[in-house]
């Protein structure tokens, strides 16, 4: 992905929250499965846009238990919220908007 981006090629991809590198330990605690293939946070943070696709645990119950899926869902929501907060702060600074 880095090579493509360095050559000016746009990359569109999907990633499961359990594959984000910084969340690997938390995911392993929840699911008792350690992901071997992870995406470095710098690649996630570098994305121009992130779209959260959220399915209920009932829709995915065949893969993990409902409790595990609820926890993974919360991780995805929190990670996305962090990104939105960063974007808002950047916008506010760039436009000299005072805020909390």
PDB file of N, CA and C in Angstrom:
ATOM      1  N   UNK A   1       0.815  -1.176   0.000  1.00  0.00           N
ATOM      2  CA  UNK A   1       0.000   0.000   0.000  1.00  0.00           C
ATOM      3  C   UNK A   1       0.869   1.254   0.000  1.00  0.00           C
ATOM      4  N   UNK A   2       1.943   1.229   0.792  1.00  0.00           N
ATOM      5  CA  UNK A   2       2.837   2.393   0.822  1.00  0.00           C
ATOM      6  C   UNK A   2       3.431   2.666  -0.549  1.00  0.00           C
ATOM      7  N   UNK A   3       3.803   1.611  -1.259  1.00  0.00           N
ATOM      8  CA  UNK A   3       4.397   1.782  -2.588  1.00  0.00           C
ATOM      9  C   UNK A   3       3.390   2.417  -3.551  1.00  0.00           C
ATOM     10  N   UNK A   4       2.147   1.948  -3.502  1.00  0.00           N
ATOM     11  CA  UNK A   4       1.123   2.516  -4.369  1.00  0.00           C
ATOM     12  C   UNK A   4       0.894   3.999  -4.056  1.00  0.00           C
ATOM     13  N   UNK A   5       0.767   4.309  -2.780  1.00  0.00           N
ATOM     14  CA  UNK A   5       0.546   5.690  -2.381  1.00  0.00           C
ATOM     15  C   UNK A   5       1.719   6.584  -2.766  1.00  0.00           C
ATOM     16  N   UNK A   6       2.934   6.069  -2.622  1.00  0.00           N
ATOM     17  CA  UNK A   6       4.113   6.870  -2.963  1.00  0.00           C
ATOM     18  C   UNK A   6       4.186   7.172  -4.461  1.00  0.00           C
ATOM     19  N   UNK A   7       3.509   6.372  -5.265  1.00  0.00           N
ATOM     20  CA  UNK A   7       3.469   6.600  -6.710  1.00  0.00           C
ATOM     21  C   UNK A   7       2.235   7.394  -7.146  1.00  0.00           C
ATOM     22  N   UNK A   8       1.502   7.907  -6.149  1.00  0.00           N
ATOM     23  CA  UNK A   8       0.343   8.734  -6.460  1.00  0.00           C
ATOM     24  C   UNK A   8      -0.905   7.951  -6.817  1.00  0.00           C
ATOM     25  N   UNK A   9      -0.930   6.676  -6.503  1.00  0.00           N
ATOM     26  CA  UNK A   9      -2.089   5.840  -6.817  1.00  0.00           C
ATOM     27  C   UNK A   9      -3.014   5.791  -5.602  1.00  0.00           C
ATOM     28  N   UNK A  10      -4.268   6.121  -5.821  1.00  0.00           N
ATOM     29  CA  UNK A  10      -5.250   6.055  -4.741  1.00  0.00           C
ATOM     30  C   UNK A  10      -5.527   4.605  -4.381  1.00  0.00           C
ATOM     31  N   UNK A  11      -5.737   4.360  -3.100  1.00  0.00           N
ATOM     32  CA  UNK A  11      -6.008   3.007  -2.614  1.00  0.00           C
ATOM     33  C   UNK A  11      -7.335   3.022  -1.868  1.00  0.00           C
ATOM     34  N   UNK A  12      -8.206   2.131  -2.260  1.00  0.00           N
ATOM     35  CA  UNK A  12      -9.468   1.919  -1.560  1.00  0.00           C
ATOM     36  C   UNK A  12      -9.428   0.518  -0.992  1.00  0.00           C
ATOM     37  N   UNK A  13      -9.726   0.383   0.283  1.00  0.00           N
ATOM     38  CA  UNK A  13      -9.646  -0.927   0.904  1.00  0.00           C
ATOM     39  C   UNK A  13     -10.617  -1.026   2.068  1.00  0.00           C
ATOM     40  N   UNK A  14     -10.787  -2.223   2.553  1.00  0.00           N
ATOM     41  CA  UNK A  14     -11.597  -2.463   3.751  1.00  0.00           C
ATOM     42  C   UNK A  14     -10.688  -3.102   4.790  1.00  0.00           C
ATOM     43  N   UNK A  15     -10.919  -2.757   6.038  1.00  0.00           N
ATOM     44  CA  UNK A  15     -10.133  -3.340   7.117  1.00  0.00           C
ATOM     45  C   UNK A  15     -11.063  -3.640   8.284  1.00  0.00           C
ATOM     46  N   UNK A  16     -10.848  -4.778   8.890  1.00  0.00           N
ATOM     47  CA  UNK A  16     -11.605  -5.149  10.076  1.00  0.00           C
ATOM     48  C   UNK A  16     -10.884  -4.560  11.275  1.00  0.00           C
ATOM     49  N   UNK A  17     -11.613  -4.059  12.242  1.00  0.00           N
ATOM     50  CA  UNK A  17     -11.011  -3.411  13.407  1.00  0.00           C
ATOM     51  C   UNK A  17      -9.995  -4.320  14.088  1.00  0.00           C
ATOM     52  N   UNK A  18     -10.203  -5.605  14.034  1.00  0.00           N
ATOM     53  CA  UNK A  18      -9.284  -6.512  14.716  1.00  0.00           C
ATOM     54  C   UNK A  18      -7.907  -6.574  14.056  1.00  0.00           C
ATOM     55  N   UNK A  19      -7.772  -5.990  12.875  1.00  0.00           N
ATOM     56  CA  UNK A  19      -6.480  -5.993  12.182  1.00  0.00           C
ATOM     57  C   UNK A  19      -5.695  -4.689  12.353  1.00  0.00           C
ATOM     58  N   UNK A  20      -6.221  -3.724  13.099  1.00  0.00           N
ATOM     59  CA  UNK A  20      -5.483  -2.487  13.349  1.00  0.00           C
ATOM     60  C   UNK A  20      -4.439  -2.767  14.429  1.00  0.00           C
ATOM     61  N   UNK A  21      -3.194  -2.493  14.099  1.00  0.00           N
ATOM     62  CA  UNK A  21      -2.043  -2.904  14.908  1.00  0.00           C
ATOM     63  C   UNK A  21      -2.149  -2.522  16.391  1.00  0.00           C
ATOM     64  N   UNK A  22      -2.510  -1.287  16.686  1.00  0.00           N
ATOM     65  CA  UNK A  22      -2.528  -0.840  18.081  1.00  0.00           C
ATOM     66  C   UNK A  22      -3.635  -1.508  18.896  1.00  0.00           C
ATOM     67  N   UNK A  23      -4.598  -2.099  18.217  1.00  0.00           N
ATOM     68  CA  UNK A  23      -5.703  -2.762  18.916  1.00  0.00           C
ATOM     69  C   UNK A  23      -5.493  -4.266  19.044  1.00  0.00           C
ATOM     70  N   UNK A  24      -4.380  -4.772  18.531  1.00  0.00           N
ATOM     71  CA  UNK A  24      -4.132  -6.209  18.487  1.00  0.00           C
ATOM     72  C   UNK A  24      -4.184  -6.866  19.864  1.00  0.00           C
ATOM     73  N   UNK A  25      -3.572  -6.259  20.865  1.00  0.00           N
ATOM     74  CA  UNK A  25      -3.574  -6.849  22.207  1.00  0.00           C
ATOM     75  C   UNK A  25      -4.977  -6.875  22.803  1.00  0.00           C
ATOM     76  N   UNK A  26      -5.715  -5.794  22.631  1.00  0.00           N
ATOM     77  CA  UNK A  26      -7.075  -5.731  23.157  1.00  0.00           C
ATOM     78  C   UNK A  26      -7.956  -6.764  22.466  1.00  0.00           C
ATOM     79  N   UNK A  27      -7.826  -6.862  21.150  1.00  0.00           N
ATOM     80  CA  UNK A  27      -8.611  -7.840  20.391  1.00  0.00           C
ATOM     81  C   UNK A  27      -8.282  -9.257  20.848  1.00  0.00           C
ATOM     82  N   UNK A  28      -7.008  -9.535  21.072  1.00  0.00           N
ATOM     83  CA  UNK A  28      -6.606 -10.876  21.535  1.00  0.00           C
ATOM     84  C   UNK A  28      -7.206 -11.189  22.907  1.00  0.00           C
ATOM     85  N   UNK A  29      -7.284 -10.188  23.766  1.00  0.00           N
ATOM     86  CA  UNK A  29      -7.900 -10.400  25.080  1.00  0.00           C
ATOM     87  C   UNK A  29      -9.389 -10.712  24.942  1.00  0.00           C
ATOM     88  N   UNK A  30     -10.037 -10.072  23.999  1.00  0.00           N
ATOM     89  CA  UNK A  30     -11.483 -10.256  23.807  1.00  0.00           C
ATOM     90  C   UNK A  30     -11.782 -11.587  23.134  1.00  0.00           C
ATOM     91  N   UNK A  31     -11.073 -11.880  22.058  1.00  0.00           N
ATOM     92  CA  UNK A  31     -11.410 -13.033  21.213  1.00  0.00           C
ATOM     93  C   UNK A  31     -10.580 -14.270  21.478  1.00  0.00           C
ATOM     94  N   UNK A  32      -9.476 -14.099  22.190  1.00  0.00           N
ATOM     95  CA  UNK A  32      -8.512 -15.186  22.424  1.00  0.00           C
ATOM     96  C   UNK A  32      -7.863 -15.650  21.122  1.00  0.00           C
ATOM     97  N   UNK A  33      -7.836 -14.745  20.147  1.00  0.00           N
ATOM     98  CA  UNK A  33      -7.194 -15.002  18.856  1.00  0.00           C
ATOM     99  C   UNK A  33      -6.297 -13.813  18.556  1.00  0.00           C
ATOM    100  N   UNK A  34      -5.010 -14.075  18.312  1.00  0.00           N
ATOM    101  CA  UNK A  34      -4.083 -13.001  17.952  1.00  0.00           C
ATOM    102  C   UNK A  34      -3.996 -12.929  16.434  1.00  0.00           C
ATOM    103  N   UNK A  35      -4.258 -11.743  15.913  1.00  0.00           N
ATOM    104  CA  UNK A  35      -4.185 -11.520  14.471  1.00  0.00           C
ATOM    105  C   UNK A  35      -2.721 -11.438  14.047  1.00  0.00           C
ATOM    106  N   UNK A  36      -2.360 -12.198  13.061  1.00  0.00           N
ATOM    107  CA  UNK A  36      -0.979 -12.162  12.554  1.00  0.00           C
ATOM    108  C   UNK A  36      -0.798 -11.083  11.504  1.00  0.00           C
ATOM    109  N   UNK A  37      -1.849 -10.825  10.754  1.00  0.00           N
ATOM    110  CA  UNK A  37      -1.798  -9.791   9.719  1.00  0.00           C
ATOM    111  C   UNK A  37      -2.437  -8.529  10.283  1.00  0.00           C
ATOM    112  N   UNK A  38      -1.616  -7.507  10.506  1.00  0.00           N
ATOM    113  CA  UNK A  38      -2.141  -6.252  11.031  1.00  0.00           C
ATOM    114  C   UNK A  38      -1.767  -5.095  10.110  1.00  0.00           C
ATOM    115  N   UNK A  39      -2.543  -4.045  10.230  1.00  0.00           N
ATOM    116  CA  UNK A  39      -2.308  -2.820   9.469  1.00  0.00           C
ATOM    117  C   UNK A  39      -1.705  -1.800  10.428  1.00  0.00           C
ATOM    118  N   UNK A  40      -0.549  -1.236  10.091  1.00  0.00           N
ATOM    119  CA  UNK A  40       0.032  -0.215  10.969  1.00  0.00           C
ATOM    120  C   UNK A  40      -0.920   0.969  11.127  1.00  0.00           C
ATOM    121  N   UNK A  41      -0.982   1.501  12.322  1.00  0.00           N
ATOM    122  CA  UNK A  41      -1.863   2.633  12.600  1.00  0.00           C
ATOM    123  C   UNK A  41      -1.554   3.806  11.679  1.00  0.00           C
ATOM    124  N   UNK A  42      -0.299   3.978  11.306  1.00  0.00           N
ATOM    125  CA  UNK A  42       0.047   5.116  10.444  1.00  0.00           C
ATOM    126  C   UNK A  42      -0.670   5.020   9.098  1.00  0.00           C
ATOM    127  N   UNK A  43      -0.939   3.819   8.626  1.00  0.00           N
ATOM    128  CA  UNK A  43      -1.663   3.669   7.364  1.00  0.00           C
ATOM    129  C   UNK A  43      -3.135   4.028   7.561  1.00  0.00           C
ATOM    130  N   UNK A  44      -3.700   3.590   8.679  1.00  0.00           N
ATOM    131  CA  UNK A  44      -5.088   3.926   8.998  1.00  0.00           C
ATOM    132  C   UNK A  44      -5.225   5.436   9.172  1.00  0.00           C
ATOM    133  N   UNK A  45      -4.296   6.028   9.900  1.00  0.00           N
ATOM    134  CA  UNK A  45      -4.336   7.467  10.173  1.00  0.00           C
ATOM    135  C   UNK A  45      -4.114   8.300   8.912  1.00  0.00           C
ATOM    136  N   UNK A  46      -3.454   7.728   7.928  1.00  0.00           N
ATOM    137  CA  UNK A  46      -3.144   8.433   6.690  1.00  0.00           C
ATOM    138  C   UNK A  46      -4.341   8.511   5.735  1.00  0.00           C
ATOM    139  N   UNK A  47      -5.371   7.721   6.010  1.00  0.00           N
ATOM    140  CA  UNK A  47      -6.526   7.671   5.108  1.00  0.00           C
ATOM    141  C   UNK A  47      -7.195   9.035   4.990  1.00  0.00           C
ATOM    142  N   UNK A  48      -7.560   9.392   3.775  1.00  0.00           N
ATOM    143  CA  UNK A  48      -8.281  10.647   3.542  1.00  0.00           C
ATOM    144  C   UNK A  48      -9.707  10.559   4.071  1.00  0.00           C
ATOM    145  N   UNK A  49     -10.289   9.374   3.992  1.00  0.00           N
ATOM    146  CA  UNK A  49     -11.668   9.187   4.450  1.00  0.00           C
ATOM    147  C   UNK A  49     -11.811   7.787   5.021  1.00  0.00           C
ATOM    148  N   UNK A  50     -12.645   7.684   6.034  1.00  0.00           N
ATOM    149  CA  UNK A  50     -12.940   6.398   6.653  1.00  0.00           C
ATOM    150  C   UNK A  50     -14.444   6.268   6.727  1.00  0.00           C
ATOM    151  N   UNK A  51     -14.942   5.134   6.299  1.00  0.00           N
ATOM    152  CA  UNK A  51     -16.369   4.863   6.389  1.00  0.00           C
ATOM    153  C   UNK A  51     -16.551   3.647   7.278  1.00  0.00           C
ATOM    154  N   UNK A  52     -17.270   3.831   8.354  1.00  0.00           N
ATOM    155  CA  UNK A  52     -17.513   2.742   9.294  1.00  0.00           C
ATOM    156  C   UNK A  52     -18.731   1.953   8.836  1.00  0.00           C
ATOM    157  N   UNK A  53     -18.525   0.672   8.598  1.00  0.00           N
ATOM    158  CA  UNK A  53     -19.618  -0.234   8.262  1.00  0.00           C
ATOM    159  C   UNK A  53     -19.915  -1.009   9.531  1.00  0.00           C
ATOM    160  N   UNK A  54     -21.064  -0.779  10.105  1.00  0.00           N
ATOM    161  CA  UNK A  54     -21.401  -1.344  11.407  1.00  0.00           C
ATOM    162  C   UNK A  54     -22.532  -2.351  11.273  1.00  0.00           C
ATOM    163  N   UNK A  55     -22.251  -3.595  11.626  1.00  0.00           N
ATOM    164  CA  UNK A  55     -23.270  -4.635  11.647  1.00  0.00           C
ATOM    165  C   UNK A  55     -23.519  -5.039  13.090  1.00  0.00           C
ATOM    166  N   UNK A  56     -24.723  -5.419  13.377  1.00  0.00           N
ATOM    167  CA  UNK A  56     -25.031  -5.839  14.738  1.00  0.00           C
ATOM    168  C   UNK A  56     -24.436  -7.219  15.003  1.00  0.00           C
ATOM    169  N   UNK A  57     -24.156  -7.527  16.270  1.00  0.00           N
ATOM    170  CA  UNK A  57     -23.628  -8.853  16.609  1.00  0.00           C
ATOM    171  C   UNK A  57     -24.523  -9.987  16.107  1.00  0.00           C
ATOM    172  N   UNK A  58     -25.830  -9.785  16.090  1.00  0.00           N
ATOM    173  CA  UNK A  58     -26.732 -10.830  15.602  1.00  0.00           C
ATOM    174  C   UNK A  58     -26.471 -11.166  14.139  1.00  0.00           C
ATOM    175  N   UNK A  59     -26.039 -10.175  13.352  1.00  0.00           N
ATOM    176  CA  UNK A  59     -25.762 -10.403  11.930  1.00  0.00           C
ATOM    177  C   UNK A  59     -24.485 -11.205  11.703  1.00  0.00           C
ATOM    178  N   UNK A  60     -23.602 -11.213  12.687  1.00  0.00           N
ATOM    179  CA  UNK A  60     -22.296 -11.866  12.527  1.00  0.00           C
ATOM    180  C   UNK A  60     -22.072 -13.011  13.519  1.00  0.00           C
ATOM    181  N   UNK A  61     -23.112 -13.469  14.148  1.00  0.00           N
ATOM    182  CA  UNK A  61     -22.990 -14.380  15.285  1.00  0.00           C
ATOM    183  C   UNK A  61     -22.273 -15.684  14.961  1.00  0.00           C
ATOM    184  N   UNK A  62     -22.252 -16.080  13.707  1.00  0.00           N
ATOM    185  CA  UNK A  62     -21.617 -17.351  13.353  1.00  0.00           C
ATOM    186  C   UNK A  62     -20.097 -17.315  13.518  1.00  0.00           C
ATOM    187  N   UNK A  63     -19.503 -16.132  13.600  1.00  0.00           N
ATOM    188  CA  UNK A  63     -18.039 -16.032  13.657  1.00  0.00           C
ATOM    189  C   UNK A  63     -17.502 -15.897  15.073  1.00  0.00           C
ATOM    190  N   UNK A  64     -18.092 -15.030  15.861  1.00  0.00           N
ATOM    191  CA  UNK A  64     -17.688 -14.827  17.251  1.00  0.00           C
ATOM    192  C   UNK A  64     -18.934 -14.838  18.127  1.00  0.00           C
ATOM    193  N   UNK A  65     -18.731 -14.855  19.403  1.00  0.00           N
ATOM    194  CA  UNK A  65     -19.864 -14.774  20.321  1.00  0.00           C
ATOM    195  C   UNK A  65     -20.416 -13.348  20.295  1.00  0.00           C
ATOM    196  N   UNK A  66     -21.696 -13.182  20.644  1.00  0.00           N
ATOM    197  CA  UNK A  66     -22.279 -11.829  20.658  1.00  0.00           C
ATOM    198  C   UNK A  66     -21.498 -10.865  21.566  1.00  0.00           C
ATOM    199  N   UNK A  67     -20.995 -11.334  22.698  1.00  0.00           N
ATOM    200  CA  UNK A  67     -20.222 -10.463  23.590  1.00  0.00           C
ATOM    201  C   UNK A  67     -18.942  -9.975  22.942  1.00  0.00           C
ATOM    202  N   UNK A  68     -18.229 -10.879  22.259  1.00  0.00           N
ATOM    203  CA  UNK A  68     -16.996 -10.494  21.556  1.00  0.00           C
ATOM    204  C   UNK A  68     -17.295  -9.496  20.449  1.00  0.00           C
ATOM    205  N   UNK A  69     -18.357  -9.751  19.717  1.00  0.00           N
ATOM    206  CA  UNK A  69     -18.702  -8.850  18.625  1.00  0.00           C
ATOM    207  C   UNK A  69     -19.103  -7.468  19.130  1.00  0.00           C
ATOM    208  N   UNK A  70     -19.795  -7.427  20.245  1.00  0.00           N
ATOM    209  CA  UNK A  70     -20.166  -6.136  20.823  1.00  0.00           C
ATOM    210  C   UNK A  70     -18.919  -5.361  21.225  1.00  0.00           C
ATOM    211  N   UNK A  71     -17.935  -6.054  21.812  1.00  0.00           N
ATOM    212  CA  UNK A  71     -16.686  -5.401  22.206  1.00  0.00           C
ATOM    213  C   UNK A  71     -15.908  -4.917  20.987  1.00  0.00           C
ATOM    214  N   UNK A  72     -15.826  -5.722  19.932  1.00  0.00           N
ATOM    215  CA  UNK A  72     -15.128  -5.316  18.711  1.00  0.00           C
ATOM    216  C   UNK A  72     -15.846  -4.134  18.052  1.00  0.00           C
ATOM    217  N   UNK A  73     -17.155  -4.152  18.099  1.00  0.00           N
ATOM    218  CA  UNK A  73     -17.943  -3.050  17.550  1.00  0.00           C
ATOM    219  C   UNK A  73     -17.622  -1.754  18.287  1.00  0.00           C
ATOM    220  N   UNK A  74     -17.522  -1.833  19.608  1.00  0.00           N
ATOM    221  CA  UNK A  74     -17.186  -0.646  20.393  1.00  0.00           C
ATOM    222  C   UNK A  74     -15.790  -0.141  20.050  1.00  0.00           C
ATOM    223  N   UNK A  75     -14.830  -1.059  19.874  1.00  0.00           N
ATOM    224  CA  UNK A  75     -13.473  -0.645  19.479  1.00  0.00           C
ATOM    225  C   UNK A  75     -13.500   0.111  18.155  1.00  0.00           C
ATOM    226  N   UNK A  76     -14.257  -0.396  17.193  1.00  0.00           N
ATOM    227  CA  UNK A  76     -14.347   0.260  15.884  1.00  0.00           C
ATOM    228  C   UNK A  76     -14.960   1.648  16.015  1.00  0.00           C
ATOM    229  N   UNK A  77     -16.012   1.757  16.813  1.00  0.00           N
ATOM    230  CA  UNK A  77     -16.661   3.059  17.002  1.00  0.00           C
ATOM    231  C   UNK A  77     -15.722   4.043  17.688  1.00  0.00           C
ATOM    232  N   UNK A  78     -14.996   3.586  18.700  1.00  0.00           N
ATOM    233  CA  UNK A  78     -14.071   4.469  19.416  1.00  0.00           C
ATOM    234  C   UNK A  78     -12.931   4.929  18.510  1.00  0.00           C
ATOM    235  N   UNK A  79     -12.374   4.008  17.724  1.00  0.00           N
ATOM    236  CA  UNK A  79     -11.243   4.353  16.844  1.00  0.00           C
ATOM    237  C   UNK A  79     -11.691   5.356  15.792  1.00  0.00           C
ATOM    238  N   UNK A  80     -12.893   5.164  15.270  1.00  0.00           N
ATOM    239  CA  UNK A  80     -13.434   6.101  14.288  1.00  0.00           C
ATOM    240  C   UNK A  80     -13.698   7.461  14.929  1.00  0.00           C
ATOM    241  N   UNK A  81     -14.226   7.457  16.141  1.00  0.00           N
ATOM    242  CA  UNK A  81     -14.484   8.714  16.855  1.00  0.00           C
ATOM    243  C   UNK A  81     -13.188   9.478  17.096  1.00  0.00           C
ATOM    244  N   UNK A  82     -12.104   8.774  17.427  1.00  0.00           N
ATOM    245  CA  UNK A  82     -10.802   9.437  17.605  1.00  0.00           C
ATOM    246  C   UNK A  82     -10.403  10.160  16.331  1.00  0.00           C
ATOM    247  N   UNK A  83     -10.612   9.505  15.202  1.00  0.00           N
ATOM    248  CA  UNK A  83     -10.260  10.086  13.900  1.00  0.00           C
ATOM    249  C   UNK A  83     -11.092  11.339  13.627  1.00  0.00           C
ATOM    250  N   UNK A  84     -12.385  11.267  13.915  1.00  0.00           N
ATOM    251  CA  UNK A  84     -13.271  12.417  13.708  1.00  0.00           C
ATOM    252  C   UNK A  84     -12.850  13.576  14.609  1.00  0.00           C
ATOM    253  N   UNK A  85     -12.499  13.286  15.849  1.00  0.00           N
ATOM    254  CA  UNK A  85     -12.028  14.335  16.761  1.00  0.00           C
ATOM    255  C   UNK A  85     -10.784  15.025  16.221  1.00  0.00           C
ATOM    256  N   UNK A  86      -9.833  14.235  15.705  1.00  0.00           N
ATOM    257  CA  UNK A  86      -8.604  14.803  15.137  1.00  0.00           C
ATOM    258  C   UNK A  86      -8.928  15.710  13.957  1.00  0.00           C
ATOM    259  N   UNK A  87      -9.843  15.278  13.101  1.00  0.00           N
ATOM    260  CA  UNK A  87     -10.218  16.082  11.944  1.00  0.00           C
ATOM    261  C   UNK A  87     -10.892  17.387  12.368  1.00  0.00           C
ATOM    262  N   UNK A  88     -11.743  17.319  13.380  1.00  0.00           N
ATOM    263  CA  UNK A  88     -12.411  18.522  13.862  1.00  0.00           C
ATOM    264  C   UNK A  88     -11.405  19.513  14.436  1.00  0.00           C
ATOM    265  N   UNK A  89     -10.481  19.034  15.243  1.00  0.00           N
ATOM    266  CA  UNK A  89      -9.472  19.928  15.823  1.00  0.00           C
ATOM    267  C   UNK A  89      -8.610  20.563  14.743  1.00  0.00           C
ATOM    268  N   UNK A  90      -8.231  19.794  13.747  1.00  0.00           N
ATOM    269  CA  UNK A  90      -7.445  20.327  12.634  1.00  0.00           C
ATOM    270  C   UNK A  90      -8.220  21.413  11.901  1.00  0.00           C
ATOM    271  N   UNK A  91      -9.485  21.174  11.653  1.00  0.00           N
ATOM    272  CA  UNK A  91     -10.341  22.161  10.983  1.00  0.00           C
ATOM    273  C   UNK A  91     -10.467  23.428  11.824  1.00  0.00           C
ATOM    274  N   UNK A  92     -10.677  23.258  13.115  1.00  0.00           N
ATOM    275  CA  UNK A  92     -10.838  24.416  13.994  1.00  0.00           C
ATOM    276  C   UNK A  92      -9.565  25.252  14.040  1.00  0.00           C
ATOM    277  N   UNK A  93      -8.413  24.602  14.118  1.00  0.00           N
ATOM    278  CA  UNK A  93      -7.135  25.335  14.135  1.00  0.00           C
ATOM    279  C   UNK A  93      -6.905  26.056  12.820  1.00  0.00           C
ATOM    280  N   UNK A  94      -7.179  25.357  11.705  1.00  0.00           N
ATOM    281  CA  UNK A  94      -6.946  25.947  10.384  1.00  0.00           C
ATOM    282  C   UNK A  94      -7.837  27.147  10.124  1.00  0.00           C
ATOM    283  N   UNK A  95      -8.992  27.192  10.763  1.00  0.00           N
ATOM    284  CA  UNK A  95      -9.955  28.264  10.532  1.00  0.00           C
ATOM    285  C   UNK A  95     -10.088  29.204  11.733  1.00  0.00           C
ATOM    286  N   UNK A  96      -9.130  29.113  12.658  1.00  0.00           N
ATOM    287  CA  UNK A  96      -9.109  29.984  13.842  1.00  0.00           C
ATOM    288  C   UNK A  96     -10.449  29.989  14.574  1.00  0.00           C
ATOM    289  N   UNK A  97     -11.017  28.802  14.742  1.00  0.00           N
ATOM    290  CA  UNK A  97     -12.291  28.670  15.450  1.00  0.00           C
ATOM    291  C   UNK A  97     -11.992  28.326  16.899  1.00  0.00           C
ATOM    292  N   UNK A  98     -12.465  29.175  17.803  1.00  0.00           N
ATOM    293  CA  UNK A  98     -12.275  28.897  19.222  1.00  0.00           C
ATOM    294  C   UNK A  98     -13.250  27.815  19.649  1.00  0.00           C
ATOM    295  N   UNK A  99     -12.841  27.009  20.572  1.00  0.00           N
ATOM    296  CA  UNK A  99     -13.729  25.940  21.020  1.00  0.00           C
ATOM    297  C   UNK A  99     -13.313  25.393  22.364  1.00  0.00           C
ATOM    298  N   UNK A 100     -13.995  24.388  22.776  1.00  0.00           N
ATOM    299  CA  UNK A 100     -13.692  23.808  24.097  1.00  0.00           C
ATOM    300  C   UNK A 100     -12.320  23.179  24.140  1.00  0.00           C
TER     301      UNK A 100
END
